Protein backbone atom coordinates (compact mmCIF):
# COMPACT_ATOMS: atom_id res chain seq x y z
CA MET A 1 43.30 103.48 116.32
CA LEU A 2 45.95 103.45 118.89
CA ILE A 3 45.41 101.04 121.89
CA ASP A 4 46.30 101.63 125.46
CA LEU A 5 46.81 98.55 127.34
CA ASP A 6 48.36 99.45 130.73
CA GLY A 7 45.46 98.83 132.97
CA MET A 8 43.88 96.54 130.83
CA ALA A 9 42.38 93.68 131.73
CA PRO A 10 44.11 90.46 131.34
CA GLN A 11 41.64 88.50 129.51
CA ASP A 12 41.38 91.66 126.95
CA ALA A 13 45.10 91.96 126.68
CA TYR A 14 45.21 88.21 125.51
CA HIS A 15 42.14 88.66 123.32
CA LEU A 16 43.82 91.47 121.66
CA LEU A 17 47.14 89.78 121.14
CA THR A 18 45.56 86.50 119.82
CA GLN A 19 43.79 88.71 117.21
CA THR A 20 47.39 90.50 115.98
CA VAL A 21 50.21 88.48 116.72
CA ILE A 22 49.37 85.75 113.85
CA PRO A 23 49.55 83.33 112.42
CA ARG A 24 51.24 81.27 115.16
CA PRO A 25 52.77 78.00 114.77
CA VAL A 26 50.68 74.91 116.98
CA ALA A 27 52.67 72.88 119.29
CA TRP A 28 50.78 69.73 119.82
CA VAL A 29 52.45 68.46 122.73
CA LEU A 30 51.83 65.19 124.09
CA SER A 31 53.28 64.46 127.48
CA GLU A 32 52.79 61.07 130.24
CA ASN A 33 49.92 60.69 132.53
CA PRO A 34 50.58 59.57 135.94
CA GLU A 35 49.62 55.97 135.06
CA GLY A 36 51.74 55.84 132.16
CA ASP A 37 48.88 56.96 128.96
CA TYR A 38 49.31 60.41 127.32
CA ASN A 39 48.19 63.25 127.52
CA LEU A 40 47.95 65.98 124.21
CA ALA A 41 46.83 69.28 124.02
CA PRO A 42 47.75 72.43 121.93
CA PHE A 43 49.26 75.42 122.55
CA SER A 44 49.76 78.54 120.23
CA PHE A 45 52.55 80.49 122.02
CA PHE A 46 55.07 78.33 120.97
CA THR A 47 58.42 79.11 119.12
CA PRO A 48 61.49 77.88 119.09
CA ILE A 49 64.42 80.03 120.96
CA THR A 50 68.03 78.70 120.48
CA SER A 51 70.06 76.42 118.46
CA ASN A 52 72.77 76.18 120.65
CA PRO A 53 71.51 74.10 122.87
CA PRO A 54 68.18 73.39 120.67
CA LEU A 55 65.70 74.81 122.22
CA LEU A 56 61.67 74.55 121.75
CA MET A 57 59.43 77.49 124.34
CA ILE A 58 55.71 76.32 124.94
CA SER A 59 53.96 79.06 126.93
CA VAL A 60 51.12 77.39 129.19
CA GLY A 61 48.49 78.72 131.37
CA ARG A 62 46.21 77.44 133.98
CA LYS A 63 43.10 75.69 133.65
CA PRO A 64 40.23 77.87 133.19
CA GLY A 65 38.16 78.18 136.54
CA GLU A 66 40.30 76.18 138.19
CA GLY A 67 43.77 78.23 139.06
CA VAL A 68 45.55 74.97 138.89
CA SER A 69 48.70 74.23 136.33
CA LYS A 70 47.29 72.58 133.58
CA ASP A 71 48.71 68.69 132.90
CA THR A 72 50.76 69.22 129.92
CA ARG A 73 53.22 71.47 132.63
CA VAL A 74 52.74 69.11 135.92
CA ASN A 75 54.05 66.05 133.67
CA ILE A 76 56.25 67.63 132.12
CA GLU A 77 57.95 68.66 135.23
CA ALA A 78 57.34 65.29 136.64
CA ARG A 79 58.60 62.83 134.05
CA LYS A 80 61.05 65.19 132.10
CA HIS A 81 59.98 64.39 128.74
CA PHE A 82 57.45 65.43 126.34
CA VAL A 83 57.06 65.43 122.15
CA VAL A 84 56.14 68.42 120.22
CA HIS A 85 54.67 67.63 116.96
CA ILE A 86 53.28 70.11 113.97
CA ALA A 87 49.76 69.16 112.79
CA HIS A 88 48.48 69.40 109.15
CA ARG A 89 45.40 70.37 108.38
CA GLY A 90 43.74 67.09 108.23
CA LEU A 91 44.20 66.81 112.15
CA ALA A 92 42.90 70.66 112.61
CA SER A 93 39.63 68.90 114.14
CA ALA A 94 41.79 66.91 116.65
CA VAL A 95 43.83 69.46 117.60
CA THR A 96 41.05 71.59 118.47
CA GLU A 97 39.34 68.44 120.50
CA SER A 98 42.48 67.90 122.42
CA SER A 99 41.91 71.31 123.59
CA ARG A 100 39.07 70.35 125.87
CA SER A 101 39.96 70.68 129.24
CA LEU A 102 39.61 67.19 131.35
CA PRO A 103 40.77 65.51 135.09
CA HIS A 104 44.27 65.38 135.38
CA GLY A 105 45.27 61.96 134.41
CA ASP A 106 42.62 61.38 131.33
CA SER A 107 44.10 60.39 128.30
CA GLU A 108 42.63 63.11 125.52
CA LEU A 109 43.93 59.94 122.95
CA ALA A 110 40.61 58.00 124.54
CA ASN A 111 38.43 60.19 122.81
CA LEU A 112 40.74 60.72 119.39
CA ASP A 113 41.09 58.23 116.66
CA LEU A 114 44.80 58.76 116.34
CA GLU A 115 47.56 56.36 116.19
CA LEU A 116 51.05 56.52 118.40
CA ALA A 117 54.50 54.96 116.89
CA ASP A 118 57.69 54.34 118.06
CA PHE A 119 60.01 57.69 118.33
CA GLU A 120 63.46 55.82 118.28
CA GLY A 121 65.94 57.00 120.78
CA ALA A 122 63.02 59.05 122.77
CA GLU A 123 61.09 58.15 126.00
CA LEU A 124 57.92 58.55 124.53
CA PRO A 125 56.50 57.97 121.08
CA ARG A 126 54.78 60.21 118.48
CA LEU A 127 51.68 60.65 117.06
CA LYS A 128 51.77 58.63 113.28
CA ASP A 129 50.14 60.76 110.98
CA CYS A 130 52.41 64.09 111.99
CA HIS A 131 54.67 64.94 109.87
CA VAL A 132 57.29 66.63 112.06
CA ALA A 133 57.59 65.76 115.89
CA PHE A 134 60.49 66.60 118.29
CA ALA A 135 61.55 64.75 121.04
CA CYS A 136 62.25 67.08 123.92
CA GLU A 137 63.72 66.76 127.38
CA LEU A 138 63.08 69.63 130.09
CA TYR A 139 65.72 72.16 129.93
CA GLU A 140 63.96 74.76 132.39
CA ILE A 141 60.35 75.95 133.79
CA LYS A 142 60.07 79.79 134.10
CA GLU A 143 57.05 81.36 135.94
CA ILE A 144 56.03 85.01 134.79
CA GLY A 145 53.40 86.97 135.12
CA GLU A 146 50.25 87.39 138.00
CA ALA A 147 48.58 84.57 137.00
CA PRO A 148 51.49 82.71 136.31
CA GLN A 149 52.25 81.66 132.96
CA SER A 150 54.16 78.79 132.94
CA LEU A 151 57.52 78.72 130.25
CA VAL A 152 58.73 75.63 129.65
CA PHE A 153 61.94 75.45 127.79
CA GLY A 154 62.14 72.15 126.19
CA LYS A 155 65.95 70.63 124.92
CA VAL A 156 64.82 69.29 121.11
CA THR A 157 67.15 65.48 121.18
CA ARG A 158 65.48 63.96 118.39
CA VAL A 159 63.63 64.85 114.90
CA TRP A 160 61.41 62.83 112.98
CA VAL A 161 60.30 64.11 109.57
CA SER A 162 58.66 61.92 107.40
CA ASP A 163 60.25 61.38 103.60
CA ASP A 164 57.28 62.89 101.88
CA VAL A 165 58.27 66.06 103.22
CA ILE A 166 62.06 65.47 102.61
CA ARG A 167 63.46 67.85 99.47
CA HIS A 168 67.29 68.35 98.69
CA ASP A 169 68.69 71.98 96.86
CA ASN A 170 70.80 72.17 94.08
CA LYS A 171 74.05 71.92 96.65
CA ASN A 172 72.59 68.15 97.90
CA ARG A 173 71.86 69.39 101.43
CA MET A 174 68.31 68.35 102.89
CA THR A 175 65.71 70.74 103.00
CA PHE A 176 61.90 70.56 103.68
CA ASP A 177 58.66 70.94 102.05
CA GLY A 178 56.59 73.42 103.72
CA ALA A 179 53.68 73.20 101.58
CA THR A 180 53.61 69.48 102.07
CA ILE A 181 53.75 70.20 105.84
CA ASP A 182 50.91 71.76 105.24
CA PRO A 183 51.11 73.02 109.41
CA ILE A 184 48.11 75.02 110.57
CA GLY A 185 48.25 78.08 112.39
CA ARG A 186 46.26 79.92 114.64
CA LEU A 187 44.62 83.23 114.32
CA GLY A 188 42.26 84.87 116.66
CA GLY A 189 39.03 82.89 118.39
CA SER A 190 38.56 79.73 116.93
CA GLU A 191 40.40 80.19 113.47
CA TYR A 192 43.26 78.61 111.75
CA VAL A 193 45.04 79.42 108.96
CA THR A 194 46.30 76.91 106.06
CA PHE A 195 49.26 77.77 103.45
CA GLY A 196 47.81 80.05 100.45
CA GLU A 197 51.06 81.14 98.19
CA VAL A 198 54.60 80.65 99.39
CA PHE A 199 56.98 82.97 97.88
CA LYS A 200 60.42 83.66 98.04
CA ILE A 201 62.90 86.40 98.08
CA PRO A 202 66.65 85.86 98.98
CA ARG A 203 67.92 87.66 101.34
CA PRO A 204 70.84 90.56 101.59
CA SER A 205 74.08 89.26 101.29
């Protein structure tokens, strides 16, 4: 089947892309609300894009039916700092619950059994139960498309990794065990995916 996107309604294009660009890593983003508590929201339009400078990008849409920017974008633009977490399968239900649309300034953490921990050297705390967290400062926001969609670029200033996932190779270089990180990825609709078989194919020299 050949599918022509020219003239396709945006919601149909979204459905097509999210069903076929799979799996997608999930950025679980903590930002600071105006009153000093925290917003927490997942985004699966997310990727690292450069190492010099070290940048992550999340794509943030608008609130359904309201046409206003989501709290994550508003908070990051106003206060310049945020933390991106990689959630494991044990947190999948909490990740989904944190996607619920709330009035601006309301904290998802008030309804979730999640504990914060100090993130040494960072402006904001991290979620204690995630194995990986990236402290980011705002690098740039670009708006793209007719909606528009906000592309939020964050410069990674610190990374926290649980000792449980750290390994060393035969040259004593630090590596990170993906199976122990146990990340969840997004498929289409309400579906997530977790690790199945992990295999290695050496890259050509």
